[in-house]
Amino acid sequence: MMWSEFKEFISRGNVLELAVAVIIGAAFNNIVNSLVEDMIMPIIGIIVGGINLETLYFRVGGAFVYYGKFIQSLMDFLLVSIAIFTVIKIFNTYRRRKDENKVFKVKAITNIELLTEIRDILKRQEETVESDKVKEKPDETVIRFKKKIK
């Protein structure tokens, strides 16, 4: 019983689509992380003079507060968000252009064809009403007796 329910659940299209999306998302995550860490961050490092933000910290008592790692994480998040936005924007622009290039053919209909269609629809409606009348039960006669009250 439980095995058949599990097989039914797994074989649904939504579960399979979700599994494929997770796998593709993981692969896309590697691409975006490589873009940020290997291409964009070295350029930003050159611009800011080779400062490694992750090593910035200050000391409070005996504890070290690594605020540089937090700033680095914020920059990574912003860069990943921008990269994903750019990829999606390019994809949507391409898809929109592809949809705009499709040609839709509209069939021109004449007045005679339109009137013929209206006539046929009305004729079908009349036939339906007449067939419903035939199917109805004929009026039944009801006889009521008055009860005498003493």
N, C-alpha and C. Protein backbone atom coordinates (compact mmCIF):
# COMPACT_ATOMS: atom_id res chain seq x y z
N MET A 1 0.83 -1.20 0.00
CA MET A 1 0.00 0.00 0.00
C MET A 1 0.87 1.26 0.00
N MET A 2 1.78 1.33 0.95
CA MET A 2 2.64 2.51 1.06
C MET A 2 3.58 2.62 -0.14
N TRP A 3 4.07 1.46 -0.63
CA TRP A 3 4.98 1.47 -1.78
C TRP A 3 4.27 2.00 -3.03
N SER A 4 3.02 1.62 -3.24
CA SER A 4 2.30 2.10 -4.43
C SER A 4 2.03 3.60 -4.33
N GLU A 5 1.73 4.09 -3.13
CA GLU A 5 1.54 5.53 -2.96
C GLU A 5 2.83 6.28 -3.23
N PHE A 6 3.95 5.71 -2.75
CA PHE A 6 5.25 6.34 -2.99
C PHE A 6 5.58 6.37 -4.47
N LYS A 7 5.33 5.25 -5.18
CA LYS A 7 5.58 5.22 -6.62
C LYS A 7 4.73 6.25 -7.35
N GLU A 8 3.47 6.38 -6.94
CA GLU A 8 2.59 7.37 -7.56
C GLU A 8 3.10 8.79 -7.31
N PHE A 9 3.55 9.04 -6.10
CA PHE A 9 4.08 10.37 -5.75
C PHE A 9 5.33 10.70 -6.56
N ILE A 10 6.24 9.75 -6.65
CA ILE A 10 7.49 9.97 -7.38
C ILE A 10 7.25 10.12 -8.87
N SER A 11 6.29 9.40 -9.41
CA SER A 11 6.09 9.43 -10.86
C SER A 11 5.31 10.65 -11.33
N ARG A 12 4.83 11.47 -10.42
CA ARG A 12 4.15 12.69 -10.84
C ARG A 12 5.15 13.61 -11.53
N GLY A 13 4.66 14.37 -12.48
CA GLY A 13 5.51 15.26 -13.24
C GLY A 13 6.14 16.34 -12.38
N ASN A 14 5.41 16.84 -11.39
CA ASN A 14 5.93 17.94 -10.57
C ASN A 14 7.18 17.54 -9.81
N VAL A 15 7.21 16.34 -9.27
CA VAL A 15 8.36 15.89 -8.48
C VAL A 15 9.57 15.75 -9.39
N LEU A 16 9.37 15.17 -10.56
CA LEU A 16 10.49 15.01 -11.49
C LEU A 16 11.00 16.36 -11.98
N GLU A 17 10.10 17.27 -12.27
CA GLU A 17 10.51 18.61 -12.70
C GLU A 17 11.28 19.31 -11.60
N LEU A 18 10.84 19.15 -10.35
CA LEU A 18 11.53 19.76 -9.23
C LEU A 18 12.93 19.19 -9.08
N ALA A 19 13.08 17.88 -9.23
CA ALA A 19 14.40 17.24 -9.12
C ALA A 19 15.34 17.77 -10.21
N VAL A 20 14.83 17.89 -11.43
CA VAL A 20 15.65 18.42 -12.52
C VAL A 20 16.03 19.87 -12.24
N ALA A 21 15.09 20.64 -11.71
CA ALA A 21 15.37 22.05 -11.41
C ALA A 21 16.44 22.18 -10.33
N VAL A 22 16.42 21.32 -9.33
CA VAL A 22 17.43 21.38 -8.27
C VAL A 22 18.81 21.05 -8.83
N ILE A 23 18.88 20.04 -9.69
CA ILE A 23 20.16 19.66 -10.28
C ILE A 23 20.70 20.78 -11.17
N ILE A 24 19.85 21.32 -12.00
CA ILE A 24 20.28 22.43 -12.88
C ILE A 24 20.65 23.65 -12.04
N GLY A 25 19.89 23.91 -10.97
CA GLY A 25 20.20 25.04 -10.09
C GLY A 25 21.55 24.88 -9.43
N ALA A 26 21.90 23.67 -9.03
CA ALA A 26 23.21 23.44 -8.42
C ALA A 26 24.33 23.69 -9.43
N ALA A 27 24.13 23.23 -10.65
CA ALA A 27 25.14 23.46 -11.69
C ALA A 27 25.25 24.95 -12.01
N PHE A 28 24.10 25.63 -12.07
CA PHE A 28 24.11 27.08 -12.34
C PHE A 28 24.78 27.82 -11.19
N ASN A 29 24.60 27.35 -9.96
CA ASN A 29 25.24 27.95 -8.79
C ASN A 29 26.76 27.91 -8.94
N ASN A 30 27.30 26.79 -9.42
CA ASN A 30 28.75 26.69 -9.63
C ASN A 30 29.23 27.69 -10.67
N ILE A 31 28.45 27.88 -11.72
CA ILE A 31 28.82 28.83 -12.77
C ILE A 31 28.85 30.25 -12.21
N VAL A 32 27.81 30.63 -11.48
CA VAL A 32 27.72 31.98 -10.94
C VAL A 32 28.81 32.21 -9.91
N ASN A 33 29.06 31.24 -9.04
CA ASN A 33 30.12 31.40 -8.04
C ASN A 33 31.48 31.56 -8.70
N SER A 34 31.75 30.79 -9.74
CA SER A 34 33.01 30.93 -10.47
C SER A 34 33.11 32.31 -11.11
N LEU A 35 32.00 32.79 -11.68
CA LEU A 35 32.00 34.12 -12.28
C LEU A 35 32.37 35.18 -11.24
N VAL A 36 31.76 35.09 -10.07
CA VAL A 36 32.01 36.10 -9.03
C VAL A 36 33.41 35.96 -8.45
N GLU A 37 33.79 34.74 -8.03
CA GLU A 37 35.06 34.55 -7.33
C GLU A 37 36.28 34.63 -8.25
N ASP A 38 36.15 34.10 -9.47
CA ASP A 38 37.32 33.98 -10.35
C ASP A 38 37.46 35.12 -11.35
N MET A 39 36.36 35.83 -11.63
CA MET A 39 36.46 36.88 -12.65
C MET A 39 36.18 38.28 -12.10
N ILE A 40 35.12 38.43 -11.34
CA ILE A 40 34.73 39.77 -10.90
C ILE A 40 35.54 40.21 -9.68
N MET A 41 35.68 39.34 -8.68
CA MET A 41 36.38 39.74 -7.45
C MET A 41 37.84 40.10 -7.70
N PRO A 42 38.60 39.39 -8.56
CA PRO A 42 39.97 39.84 -8.82
C PRO A 42 40.02 41.25 -9.43
N ILE A 43 39.06 41.57 -10.28
CA ILE A 43 39.01 42.91 -10.87
C ILE A 43 38.72 43.94 -9.78
N ILE A 44 37.79 43.63 -8.89
CA ILE A 44 37.48 44.54 -7.78
C ILE A 44 38.69 44.67 -6.87
N GLY A 45 39.41 43.56 -6.65
CA GLY A 45 40.63 43.61 -5.84
C GLY A 45 41.67 44.54 -6.42
N ILE A 46 41.81 44.53 -7.74
CA ILE A 46 42.77 45.44 -8.40
C ILE A 46 42.32 46.89 -8.24
N ILE A 47 41.00 47.12 -8.38
CA ILE A 47 40.46 48.48 -8.27
C ILE A 47 40.68 49.05 -6.87
N VAL A 48 40.48 48.25 -5.84
CA VAL A 48 40.62 48.75 -4.46
C VAL A 48 42.05 48.62 -3.95
N GLY A 49 42.98 48.30 -4.81
CA GLY A 49 44.39 48.29 -4.43
C GLY A 49 44.85 46.99 -3.81
N GLY A 50 44.21 45.90 -4.11
CA GLY A 50 44.67 44.59 -3.63
C GLY A 50 44.34 44.30 -2.18
N ILE A 51 43.40 45.04 -1.62
CA ILE A 51 43.01 44.80 -0.23
C ILE A 51 42.14 43.56 -0.16
N ASN A 52 42.49 42.65 0.72
CA ASN A 52 41.68 41.46 0.94
C ASN A 52 40.73 41.77 2.09
N LEU A 53 39.46 41.91 1.76
CA LEU A 53 38.48 42.32 2.77
C LEU A 53 38.31 41.29 3.88
N GLU A 54 38.53 40.02 3.58
CA GLU A 54 38.30 38.97 4.57
C GLU A 54 39.25 39.07 5.76
N THR A 55 40.37 39.75 5.59
CA THR A 55 41.35 39.85 6.69
C THR A 55 41.10 41.06 7.60
N LEU A 56 40.13 41.88 7.27
CA LEU A 56 39.84 43.05 8.11
C LEU A 56 39.10 42.63 9.37
N TYR A 57 39.58 43.12 10.50
CA TYR A 57 38.93 42.79 11.77
C TYR A 57 39.26 43.88 12.79
N PHE A 58 38.54 43.85 13.90
CA PHE A 58 38.92 44.65 15.05
C PHE A 58 38.76 43.79 16.29
N ARG A 59 39.46 44.22 17.33
CA ARG A 59 39.50 43.41 18.54
C ARG A 59 38.70 44.08 19.64
N VAL A 60 37.82 43.28 20.25
CA VAL A 60 37.04 43.76 21.38
C VAL A 60 37.37 42.83 22.55
N GLY A 61 38.13 43.35 23.48
CA GLY A 61 38.57 42.50 24.59
C GLY A 61 39.43 41.38 24.05
N GLY A 62 39.02 40.14 24.29
CA GLY A 62 39.78 39.00 23.80
C GLY A 62 39.20 38.42 22.53
N ALA A 63 38.14 39.04 21.98
CA ALA A 63 37.48 38.50 20.79
C ALA A 63 37.86 39.29 19.55
N PHE A 64 37.88 38.59 18.42
CA PHE A 64 38.13 39.22 17.13
C PHE A 64 36.81 39.29 16.36
N VAL A 65 36.52 40.47 15.85
CA VAL A 65 35.31 40.66 15.04
C VAL A 65 35.77 40.85 13.59
N TYR A 66 35.50 39.84 12.77
CA TYR A 66 35.92 39.87 11.36
C TYR A 66 34.83 40.52 10.51
N TYR A 67 34.81 41.84 10.52
CA TYR A 67 33.80 42.55 9.73
C TYR A 67 34.13 42.47 8.24
N GLY A 68 35.36 42.19 7.89
CA GLY A 68 35.74 42.06 6.49
C GLY A 68 35.06 40.87 5.82
N LYS A 69 34.90 39.78 6.56
CA LYS A 69 34.21 38.61 6.01
C LYS A 69 32.75 38.95 5.73
N PHE A 70 32.14 39.73 6.63
CA PHE A 70 30.75 40.14 6.42
C PHE A 70 30.63 41.02 5.18
N ILE A 71 31.54 41.99 5.03
CA ILE A 71 31.52 42.86 3.85
C ILE A 71 31.73 42.02 2.59
N GLN A 72 32.64 41.04 2.65
CA GLN A 72 32.89 40.17 1.51
C GLN A 72 31.64 39.37 1.16
N SER A 73 30.94 38.85 2.17
CA SER A 73 29.71 38.10 1.93
C SER A 73 28.64 38.98 1.29
N LEU A 74 28.52 40.22 1.76
CA LEU A 74 27.56 41.16 1.15
C LEU A 74 27.90 41.41 -0.31
N MET A 75 29.18 41.63 -0.60
CA MET A 75 29.59 41.87 -1.98
C MET A 75 29.33 40.63 -2.85
N ASP A 76 29.62 39.45 -2.31
CA ASP A 76 29.35 38.21 -3.06
C ASP A 76 27.86 38.10 -3.37
N PHE A 77 27.02 38.38 -2.36
CA PHE A 77 25.58 38.30 -2.56
C PHE A 77 25.13 39.27 -3.64
N LEU A 78 25.60 40.52 -3.56
CA LEU A 78 25.20 41.51 -4.56
C LEU A 78 25.66 41.12 -5.96
N LEU A 79 26.89 40.63 -6.07
CA LEU A 79 27.41 40.25 -7.38
C LEU A 79 26.68 39.04 -7.94
N VAL A 80 26.38 38.06 -7.10
CA VAL A 80 25.63 36.89 -7.55
C VAL A 80 24.23 37.32 -8.00
N SER A 81 23.59 38.20 -7.22
CA SER A 81 22.25 38.68 -7.59
C SER A 81 22.27 39.41 -8.92
N ILE A 82 23.27 40.25 -9.11
CA ILE A 82 23.39 40.98 -10.38
C ILE A 82 23.63 40.01 -11.54
N ALA A 83 24.48 39.01 -11.32
CA ALA A 83 24.77 38.03 -12.38
C ALA A 83 23.51 37.25 -12.76
N ILE A 84 22.77 36.79 -11.76
CA ILE A 84 21.54 36.04 -12.04
C ILE A 84 20.52 36.93 -12.74
N PHE A 85 20.37 38.19 -12.27
CA PHE A 85 19.44 39.12 -12.91
C PHE A 85 19.81 39.33 -14.37
N THR A 86 21.10 39.50 -14.65
CA THR A 86 21.54 39.74 -16.01
C THR A 86 21.26 38.53 -16.91
N VAL A 87 21.52 37.34 -16.42
CA VAL A 87 21.27 36.13 -17.22
C VAL A 87 19.78 35.99 -17.51
N ILE A 88 18.94 36.20 -16.49
CA ILE A 88 17.49 36.08 -16.69
C ILE A 88 16.98 37.17 -17.63
N LYS A 89 17.52 38.38 -17.51
CA LYS A 89 17.12 39.49 -18.40
C LYS A 89 17.45 39.15 -19.86
N ILE A 90 18.65 38.62 -20.09
CA ILE A 90 19.05 38.24 -21.45
C ILE A 90 18.14 37.14 -21.98
N PHE A 91 17.85 36.13 -21.14
CA PHE A 91 16.97 35.03 -21.55
C PHE A 91 15.58 35.54 -21.89
N ASN A 92 15.01 36.40 -21.05
CA ASN A 92 13.66 36.92 -21.30
C ASN A 92 13.62 37.78 -22.56
N THR A 93 14.66 38.57 -22.81
CA THR A 93 14.72 39.39 -24.02
C THR A 93 14.75 38.49 -25.25
N TYR A 94 15.56 37.44 -25.20
CA TYR A 94 15.64 36.50 -26.33
C TYR A 94 14.29 35.83 -26.56
N ARG A 95 13.65 35.39 -25.49
CA ARG A 95 12.36 34.71 -25.62
C ARG A 95 11.29 35.65 -26.14
N ARG A 96 11.29 36.90 -25.68
CA ARG A 96 10.30 37.89 -26.15
C ARG A 96 10.49 38.15 -27.64
N ARG A 97 11.73 38.28 -28.08
CA ARG A 97 11.98 38.50 -29.52
C ARG A 97 11.52 37.30 -30.33
N LYS A 98 11.76 36.12 -29.80
CA LYS A 98 11.34 34.91 -30.50
C LYS A 98 9.81 34.86 -30.62
N ASP A 99 9.10 35.25 -29.56
CA ASP A 99 7.64 35.27 -29.59
C ASP A 99 7.11 36.34 -30.54
N GLU A 100 7.80 37.49 -30.63
CA GLU A 100 7.34 38.56 -31.51
C GLU A 100 7.48 38.18 -32.98
N ASN A 101 8.43 37.31 -33.29
CA ASN A 101 8.66 36.91 -34.68
C ASN A 101 7.64 35.90 -35.18
N LYS A 102 6.86 35.33 -34.29
CA LYS A 102 5.84 34.38 -34.71
C LYS A 102 4.73 35.14 -35.44
N VAL A 103 4.28 34.55 -36.53
CA VAL A 103 3.21 35.16 -37.31
C VAL A 103 1.93 34.38 -37.04
N PHE A 104 0.91 35.10 -36.65
CA PHE A 104 -0.37 34.47 -36.40
C PHE A 104 -1.28 34.74 -37.58
N LYS A 105 -1.89 33.69 -38.09
CA LYS A 105 -2.80 33.84 -39.21
C LYS A 105 -4.22 33.95 -38.67
N VAL A 106 -4.91 34.99 -39.09
CA VAL A 106 -6.28 35.20 -38.66
C VAL A 106 -7.17 34.97 -39.87
N LYS A 107 -8.11 34.07 -39.71
CA LYS A 107 -9.00 33.77 -40.81
C LYS A 107 -10.07 34.85 -40.89
N ALA A 108 -10.18 35.45 -42.06
CA ALA A 108 -11.22 36.46 -42.28
C ALA A 108 -12.53 35.73 -42.52
N ILE A 109 -13.57 36.17 -41.85
CA ILE A 109 -14.87 35.52 -41.98
C ILE A 109 -15.83 36.52 -42.62
N THR A 110 -16.61 36.02 -43.54
CA THR A 110 -17.56 36.89 -44.23
C THR A 110 -18.86 36.96 -43.45
N ASN A 111 -19.70 37.91 -43.79
CA ASN A 111 -21.00 38.05 -43.13
C ASN A 111 -21.87 36.82 -43.35
N ILE A 112 -21.80 36.25 -44.54
CA ILE A 112 -22.62 35.08 -44.85
C ILE A 112 -22.20 33.90 -43.98
N GLU A 113 -20.89 33.70 -43.82
CA GLU A 113 -20.41 32.61 -42.97
C GLU A 113 -20.83 32.82 -41.51
N LEU A 114 -20.76 34.05 -41.04
CA LEU A 114 -21.16 34.37 -39.67
C LEU A 114 -22.65 34.11 -39.46
N LEU A 115 -23.47 34.57 -40.40
CA LEU A 115 -24.91 34.35 -40.29
C LEU A 115 -25.25 32.86 -40.36
N THR A 116 -24.53 32.12 -41.18
CA THR A 116 -24.75 30.67 -41.28
C THR A 116 -24.43 30.00 -39.94
N GLU A 117 -23.35 30.39 -39.31
CA GLU A 117 -22.99 29.82 -38.01
C GLU A 117 -24.05 30.15 -36.96
N ILE A 118 -24.55 31.38 -36.95
CA ILE A 118 -25.59 31.78 -36.00
C ILE A 118 -26.85 30.95 -36.23
N ARG A 119 -27.23 30.78 -37.49
CA ARG A 119 -28.41 29.97 -37.82
C ARG A 119 -28.27 28.55 -37.32
N ASP A 120 -27.09 27.96 -37.54
CA ASP A 120 -26.86 26.58 -37.11
C ASP A 120 -26.91 26.46 -35.59
N ILE A 121 -26.38 27.43 -34.89
CA ILE A 121 -26.42 27.40 -33.42
C ILE A 121 -27.86 27.50 -32.93
N LEU A 122 -28.63 28.41 -33.50
CA LEU A 122 -30.04 28.55 -33.11
C LEU A 122 -30.83 27.28 -33.41
N LYS A 123 -30.54 26.66 -34.53
CA LYS A 123 -31.23 25.43 -34.91
C LYS A 123 -30.93 24.32 -33.90
N ARG A 124 -29.65 24.20 -33.49
CA ARG A 124 -29.27 23.19 -32.50
C ARG A 124 -29.95 23.46 -31.17
N GLN A 125 -30.07 24.73 -30.78
CA GLN A 125 -30.73 25.08 -29.52
C GLN A 125 -32.22 24.71 -29.57
N GLU A 126 -32.87 24.97 -30.69
CA GLU A 126 -34.28 24.61 -30.83
C GLU A 126 -34.46 23.10 -30.75
N GLU A 127 -33.59 22.34 -31.39
CA GLU A 127 -33.68 20.88 -31.35
C GLU A 127 -33.48 20.37 -29.92
N THR A 128 -32.59 20.98 -29.19
CA THR A 128 -32.34 20.57 -27.81
C THR A 128 -33.57 20.84 -26.94
N VAL A 129 -34.19 22.01 -27.11
CA VAL A 129 -35.38 22.35 -26.33
C VAL A 129 -36.51 21.39 -26.66
N GLU A 130 -36.72 21.08 -27.95
CA GLU A 130 -37.79 20.16 -28.36
C GLU A 130 -37.54 18.76 -27.83
N SER A 131 -36.31 18.30 -27.84
CA SER A 131 -36.03 16.94 -27.34
C SER A 131 -36.21 16.90 -25.82
N ASP A 132 -35.95 18.00 -25.13
CA ASP A 132 -36.17 18.05 -23.68
C ASP A 132 -37.65 17.99 -23.37
N LYS A 133 -38.49 18.60 -24.20
CA LYS A 133 -39.94 18.58 -23.98
C LYS A 133 -40.48 17.17 -24.14
N VAL A 134 -39.97 16.41 -25.10
CA VAL A 134 -40.42 15.05 -25.34
C VAL A 134 -40.04 14.16 -24.16
N LYS A 135 -38.88 14.41 -23.56
CA LYS A 135 -38.41 13.58 -22.46
C LYS A 135 -39.18 13.83 -21.16
N GLU A 136 -39.81 14.99 -21.03
CA GLU A 136 -40.53 15.30 -19.80
C GLU A 136 -41.71 14.37 -19.62
N LYS A 137 -42.07 14.11 -18.37
CA LYS A 137 -43.22 13.27 -18.07
C LYS A 137 -44.48 14.08 -18.33
N PRO A 138 -45.52 13.42 -18.83
CA PRO A 138 -46.78 14.14 -19.02
C PRO A 138 -47.36 14.50 -17.65
N ASP A 139 -48.20 15.50 -17.66
CA ASP A 139 -48.82 15.93 -16.41
C ASP A 139 -49.61 14.78 -15.81
N GLU A 140 -49.38 14.52 -14.54
CA GLU A 140 -50.10 13.48 -13.85
C GLU A 140 -51.32 14.09 -13.16
N THR A 141 -52.38 13.36 -13.22
CA THR A 141 -53.59 13.84 -12.57
C THR A 141 -53.54 13.43 -11.11
N VAL A 142 -53.79 14.38 -10.25
CA VAL A 142 -53.76 14.12 -8.82
C VAL A 142 -55.18 14.26 -8.31
N ILE A 143 -55.64 13.24 -7.63
CA ILE A 143 -56.98 13.29 -7.06
C ILE A 143 -56.84 13.46 -5.56
N ARG A 144 -57.51 14.45 -5.04
CA ARG A 144 -57.44 14.70 -3.61
C ARG A 144 -58.83 14.50 -3.01
N PHE A 145 -58.86 13.82 -1.92
CA PHE A 145 -60.11 13.61 -1.21
C PHE A 145 -60.10 14.48 0.02
N LYS A 146 -61.27 15.06 0.27
CA LYS A 146 -61.41 15.86 1.48
C LYS A 146 -61.82 14.94 2.61
N LYS A 147 -61.17 15.08 3.70
CA LYS A 147 -61.48 14.27 4.85
C LYS A 147 -62.56 14.98 5.65
N LYS A 148 -63.55 14.23 6.01
CA LYS A 148 -64.63 14.80 6.79
C LYS A 148 -64.21 14.96 8.23
N ILE A 149 -64.50 16.07 8.78
CA ILE A 149 -64.19 16.33 10.17
C ILE A 149 -65.46 16.19 10.99
N LYS A 150 -65.45 15.45 12.03
CA LYS A 150 -66.64 15.25 12.87
C LYS A 150 -66.75 16.27 13.93
